Amino acid sequence: METSDQDIWSVVREIRDSPYRTLEAFQKQIREDREWFFTKYPTLAEMCINSEVFDEKALEYMLAQKTHVDGATRTQHEASVSVGEHLADKYIPCYKKR
């Protein structure tokens, strides 16, 4: 089953917008209800649950790269390098452009 960006965003919003996100019962239930998300995107899933700060712009960029790979306009390697450079430019001071 192909996972759309919409499917991913839907689960991300469901988790991030829940006032019960930090409760064990919610976490257990969401892991059961959205098992595909926790299986296919374990790091993203854990970030959604546990991170206080969540960079939606970075996720948007990554999903755009996924779309390029899915559409065969970029290789997985090219997309991975692009995401790495994007994150380095944003989060590692010595790599920031300008």
N, C-alpha and C. Protein backbone atom coordinates (compact mmCIF):
# COMPACT_ATOMS: atom_id res chain seq x y z
N MET A 1 0.84 -1.19 0.00
CA MET A 1 0.00 0.00 0.00
C MET A 1 0.88 1.25 0.00
N GLU A 2 0.65 2.09 -0.97
CA GLU A 2 1.38 3.36 -1.07
C GLU A 2 0.82 4.34 -0.02
N THR A 3 1.71 4.95 0.72
CA THR A 3 1.31 5.91 1.74
C THR A 3 1.39 7.31 1.17
N SER A 4 0.30 8.04 1.22
CA SER A 4 0.30 9.40 0.69
C SER A 4 0.76 10.38 1.77
N ASP A 5 1.17 11.54 1.29
CA ASP A 5 1.54 12.62 2.22
C ASP A 5 0.35 12.95 3.11
N GLN A 6 -0.84 12.91 2.54
CA GLN A 6 -2.07 13.20 3.29
C GLN A 6 -2.23 12.21 4.45
N ASP A 7 -1.97 10.92 4.19
CA ASP A 7 -2.06 9.90 5.23
C ASP A 7 -1.09 10.19 6.37
N ILE A 8 0.13 10.55 5.99
CA ILE A 8 1.16 10.85 6.99
C ILE A 8 0.78 12.07 7.81
N TRP A 9 0.39 13.16 7.12
CA TRP A 9 0.01 14.39 7.82
C TRP A 9 -1.19 14.15 8.74
N SER A 10 -2.11 13.32 8.31
CA SER A 10 -3.29 13.04 9.11
C SER A 10 -2.92 12.44 10.47
N VAL A 11 -2.01 11.48 10.45
CA VAL A 11 -1.59 10.85 11.70
C VAL A 11 -0.73 11.81 12.53
N VAL A 12 0.16 12.53 11.87
CA VAL A 12 0.98 13.52 12.58
C VAL A 12 0.08 14.51 13.32
N ARG A 13 -0.92 15.05 12.64
CA ARG A 13 -1.83 16.02 13.26
C ARG A 13 -2.64 15.37 14.38
N GLU A 14 -3.09 14.14 14.15
CA GLU A 14 -3.86 13.43 15.17
C GLU A 14 -3.06 13.31 16.47
N ILE A 15 -1.80 12.97 16.34
CA ILE A 15 -0.95 12.82 17.52
C ILE A 15 -0.59 14.18 18.11
N ARG A 16 -0.05 15.07 17.28
CA ARG A 16 0.45 16.36 17.78
C ARG A 16 -0.66 17.22 18.37
N ASP A 17 -1.87 17.14 17.82
CA ASP A 17 -2.96 17.99 18.30
C ASP A 17 -3.70 17.42 19.50
N SER A 18 -3.40 16.19 19.86
CA SER A 18 -4.11 15.58 20.98
C SER A 18 -3.63 16.13 22.32
N PRO A 19 -4.57 16.57 23.15
CA PRO A 19 -4.17 17.02 24.49
C PRO A 19 -3.74 15.84 25.38
N TYR A 20 -3.95 14.62 24.89
CA TYR A 20 -3.61 13.42 25.65
C TYR A 20 -2.32 12.76 25.17
N ARG A 21 -1.59 13.45 24.31
CA ARG A 21 -0.40 12.90 23.66
C ARG A 21 0.59 12.28 24.65
N THR A 22 0.73 12.84 25.83
CA THR A 22 1.73 12.36 26.79
C THR A 22 1.20 11.23 27.69
N LEU A 23 -0.08 10.92 27.58
CA LEU A 23 -0.65 9.89 28.44
C LEU A 23 -0.40 8.49 27.87
N GLU A 24 -0.05 7.58 28.74
CA GLU A 24 0.27 6.21 28.33
C GLU A 24 -0.91 5.54 27.61
N ALA A 25 -2.12 5.75 28.08
CA ALA A 25 -3.29 5.13 27.45
C ALA A 25 -3.47 5.61 26.01
N PHE A 26 -3.27 6.91 25.77
CA PHE A 26 -3.37 7.45 24.41
C PHE A 26 -2.28 6.84 23.53
N GLN A 27 -1.07 6.81 24.04
CA GLN A 27 0.05 6.28 23.27
C GLN A 27 -0.16 4.82 22.90
N LYS A 28 -0.66 4.03 23.83
CA LYS A 28 -0.95 2.62 23.56
C LYS A 28 -2.01 2.49 22.47
N GLN A 29 -3.07 3.28 22.58
CA GLN A 29 -4.17 3.20 21.62
C GLN A 29 -3.75 3.67 20.23
N ILE A 30 -3.01 4.76 20.15
CA ILE A 30 -2.60 5.28 18.84
C ILE A 30 -1.63 4.30 18.17
N ARG A 31 -0.78 3.65 18.95
CA ARG A 31 0.13 2.64 18.40
C ARG A 31 -0.64 1.47 17.80
N GLU A 32 -1.74 1.10 18.43
CA GLU A 32 -2.58 0.01 17.92
C GLU A 32 -3.39 0.48 16.70
N ASP A 33 -4.00 1.65 16.82
CA ASP A 33 -4.87 2.16 15.76
C ASP A 33 -4.11 2.53 14.49
N ARG A 34 -2.91 3.00 14.64
CA ARG A 34 -2.09 3.45 13.50
C ARG A 34 -0.81 2.65 13.41
N GLU A 35 -0.93 1.35 13.55
CA GLU A 35 0.24 0.47 13.55
C GLU A 35 1.10 0.66 12.30
N TRP A 36 0.48 0.87 11.14
CA TRP A 36 1.22 1.06 9.89
C TRP A 36 2.18 2.25 9.99
N PHE A 37 1.74 3.32 10.66
CA PHE A 37 2.55 4.52 10.81
C PHE A 37 3.76 4.24 11.69
N PHE A 38 3.55 3.55 12.81
CA PHE A 38 4.64 3.25 13.74
C PHE A 38 5.60 2.21 13.16
N THR A 39 5.10 1.37 12.26
CA THR A 39 5.94 0.37 11.61
C THR A 39 6.76 0.98 10.48
N LYS A 40 6.10 1.76 9.64
CA LYS A 40 6.76 2.31 8.45
C LYS A 40 7.60 3.55 8.75
N TYR A 41 7.20 4.34 9.74
CA TYR A 41 7.89 5.59 10.07
C TYR A 41 8.17 5.66 11.58
N PRO A 42 8.95 4.73 12.13
CA PRO A 42 9.12 4.68 13.59
C PRO A 42 9.76 5.92 14.20
N THR A 43 10.74 6.49 13.54
CA THR A 43 11.39 7.69 14.09
C THR A 43 10.43 8.87 14.10
N LEU A 44 9.73 9.07 12.99
CA LEU A 44 8.75 10.16 12.93
C LEU A 44 7.66 9.94 13.97
N ALA A 45 7.18 8.72 14.11
CA ALA A 45 6.13 8.42 15.07
C ALA A 45 6.57 8.76 16.49
N GLU A 46 7.78 8.37 16.83
CA GLU A 46 8.28 8.66 18.18
C GLU A 46 8.47 10.16 18.39
N MET A 47 8.93 10.86 17.36
CA MET A 47 9.07 12.31 17.47
C MET A 47 7.71 12.96 17.69
N CYS A 48 6.70 12.48 17.01
CA CYS A 48 5.35 13.04 17.16
C CYS A 48 4.86 12.91 18.59
N ILE A 49 5.16 11.78 19.20
CA ILE A 49 4.70 11.53 20.56
C ILE A 49 5.57 12.24 21.59
N ASN A 50 6.87 12.16 21.44
CA ASN A 50 7.78 12.56 22.53
C ASN A 50 8.40 13.94 22.43
N SER A 51 8.50 14.51 21.25
CA SER A 51 9.21 15.79 21.11
C SER A 51 8.31 16.97 21.49
N GLU A 52 8.87 17.82 22.28
CA GLU A 52 8.14 19.06 22.61
C GLU A 52 8.13 20.01 21.43
N VAL A 53 9.24 20.03 20.69
CA VAL A 53 9.36 20.90 19.52
C VAL A 53 9.30 20.01 18.30
N PHE A 54 8.48 20.40 17.34
CA PHE A 54 8.30 19.60 16.13
C PHE A 54 8.37 20.52 14.94
N ASP A 55 9.32 20.28 14.04
CA ASP A 55 9.57 21.15 12.90
C ASP A 55 8.73 20.70 11.70
N GLU A 56 7.56 21.30 11.54
CA GLU A 56 6.67 20.93 10.45
C GLU A 56 7.25 21.29 9.09
N LYS A 57 8.01 22.36 9.00
CA LYS A 57 8.63 22.75 7.73
C LYS A 57 9.63 21.69 7.27
N ALA A 58 10.38 21.13 8.20
CA ALA A 58 11.33 20.07 7.85
C ALA A 58 10.57 18.84 7.35
N LEU A 59 9.47 18.50 8.00
CA LEU A 59 8.67 17.37 7.54
C LEU A 59 8.10 17.65 6.15
N GLU A 60 7.63 18.86 5.91
CA GLU A 60 7.14 19.23 4.58
C GLU A 60 8.22 19.02 3.52
N TYR A 61 9.44 19.44 3.82
CA TYR A 61 10.55 19.30 2.89
C TYR A 61 10.83 17.82 2.63
N MET A 62 10.85 17.03 3.69
CA MET A 62 11.11 15.60 3.53
C MET A 62 10.03 14.92 2.70
N LEU A 63 8.78 15.28 2.94
CA LEU A 63 7.69 14.68 2.17
C LEU A 63 7.75 15.12 0.71
N ALA A 64 8.21 16.33 0.46
CA ALA A 64 8.38 16.77 -0.93
C ALA A 64 9.44 15.92 -1.61
N GLN A 65 10.50 15.60 -0.90
CA GLN A 65 11.54 14.74 -1.46
C GLN A 65 11.01 13.33 -1.70
N LYS A 66 10.17 12.84 -0.78
CA LYS A 66 9.54 11.53 -0.96
C LYS A 66 8.69 11.53 -2.23
N THR A 67 7.98 12.61 -2.47
CA THR A 67 7.16 12.72 -3.67
C THR A 67 8.02 12.65 -4.93
N HIS A 68 9.18 13.31 -4.90
CA HIS A 68 10.11 13.25 -6.04
C HIS A 68 10.59 11.83 -6.28
N VAL A 69 10.93 11.13 -5.20
CA VAL A 69 11.41 9.75 -5.34
C VAL A 69 10.28 8.86 -5.86
N ASP A 70 9.09 9.01 -5.28
CA ASP A 70 7.93 8.21 -5.72
C ASP A 70 7.61 8.47 -7.19
N GLY A 71 7.82 9.70 -7.65
CA GLY A 71 7.55 10.06 -9.03
C GLY A 71 8.73 9.83 -9.96
N ALA A 72 9.79 9.27 -9.42
CA ALA A 72 11.00 8.95 -10.19
C ALA A 72 11.67 10.17 -10.82
N THR A 73 11.50 11.34 -10.19
CA THR A 73 12.20 12.53 -10.68
C THR A 73 13.51 12.75 -9.92
N ARG A 74 13.72 11.98 -8.84
CA ARG A 74 14.97 11.99 -8.07
C ARG A 74 15.22 10.59 -7.59
N THR A 75 16.50 10.27 -7.42
CA THR A 75 16.81 8.98 -6.81
C THR A 75 16.69 9.12 -5.30
N GLN A 76 16.60 7.99 -4.64
CA GLN A 76 16.53 8.01 -3.19
C GLN A 76 17.80 8.63 -2.61
N HIS A 77 18.92 8.36 -3.23
CA HIS A 77 20.19 8.93 -2.78
C HIS A 77 20.17 10.46 -2.91
N GLU A 78 19.74 10.97 -4.06
CA GLU A 78 19.67 12.43 -4.27
C GLU A 78 18.76 13.09 -3.24
N ALA A 79 17.61 12.47 -2.98
CA ALA A 79 16.67 13.02 -2.00
C ALA A 79 17.28 13.00 -0.60
N SER A 80 17.97 11.92 -0.27
CA SER A 80 18.60 11.80 1.04
C SER A 80 19.67 12.87 1.24
N VAL A 81 20.50 13.08 0.22
CA VAL A 81 21.53 14.12 0.29
C VAL A 81 20.88 15.49 0.45
N SER A 82 19.82 15.74 -0.30
CA SER A 82 19.13 17.02 -0.23
C SER A 82 18.56 17.27 1.16
N VAL A 83 17.94 16.25 1.74
CA VAL A 83 17.38 16.39 3.09
C VAL A 83 18.50 16.63 4.10
N GLY A 84 19.60 15.89 3.97
CA GLY A 84 20.73 16.08 4.88
C GLY A 84 21.30 17.49 4.81
N GLU A 85 21.44 18.00 3.59
CA GLU A 85 21.94 19.37 3.42
C GLU A 85 20.96 20.39 3.99
N HIS A 86 19.69 20.16 3.76
CA HIS A 86 18.64 21.06 4.28
C HIS A 86 18.72 21.12 5.81
N LEU A 87 18.81 19.96 6.45
CA LEU A 87 18.86 19.91 7.91
C LEU A 87 20.17 20.50 8.44
N ALA A 88 21.27 20.22 7.77
CA ALA A 88 22.56 20.78 8.19
C ALA A 88 22.54 22.30 8.10
N ASP A 89 22.01 22.82 6.98
CA ASP A 89 21.93 24.28 6.82
C ASP A 89 21.09 24.91 7.92
N LYS A 90 20.09 24.20 8.35
CA LYS A 90 19.17 24.77 9.34
C LYS A 90 19.67 24.62 10.78
N TYR A 91 20.27 23.47 11.10
CA TYR A 91 20.55 23.17 12.50
C TYR A 91 22.01 23.16 12.90
N ILE A 92 22.93 23.14 11.95
CA ILE A 92 24.36 23.11 12.30
C ILE A 92 24.96 24.46 11.94
N PRO A 93 25.30 25.27 12.95
CA PRO A 93 25.75 26.64 12.70
C PRO A 93 26.87 26.78 11.67
N CYS A 94 27.86 25.90 11.70
CA CYS A 94 28.98 26.06 10.76
C CYS A 94 28.59 25.74 9.32
N TYR A 95 27.44 25.12 9.10
CA TYR A 95 26.96 24.81 7.76
C TYR A 95 25.94 25.80 7.24
N LYS A 96 25.48 26.69 8.11
CA LYS A 96 24.47 27.64 7.69
C LYS A 96 25.03 28.53 6.58
N LYS A 97 24.24 28.70 5.55
CA LYS A 97 24.66 29.55 4.44
C LYS A 97 24.51 31.01 4.84
N ARG A 98 25.38 31.83 4.29
CA ARG A 98 25.42 33.29 4.50
C ARG A 98 26.41 33.68 5.50
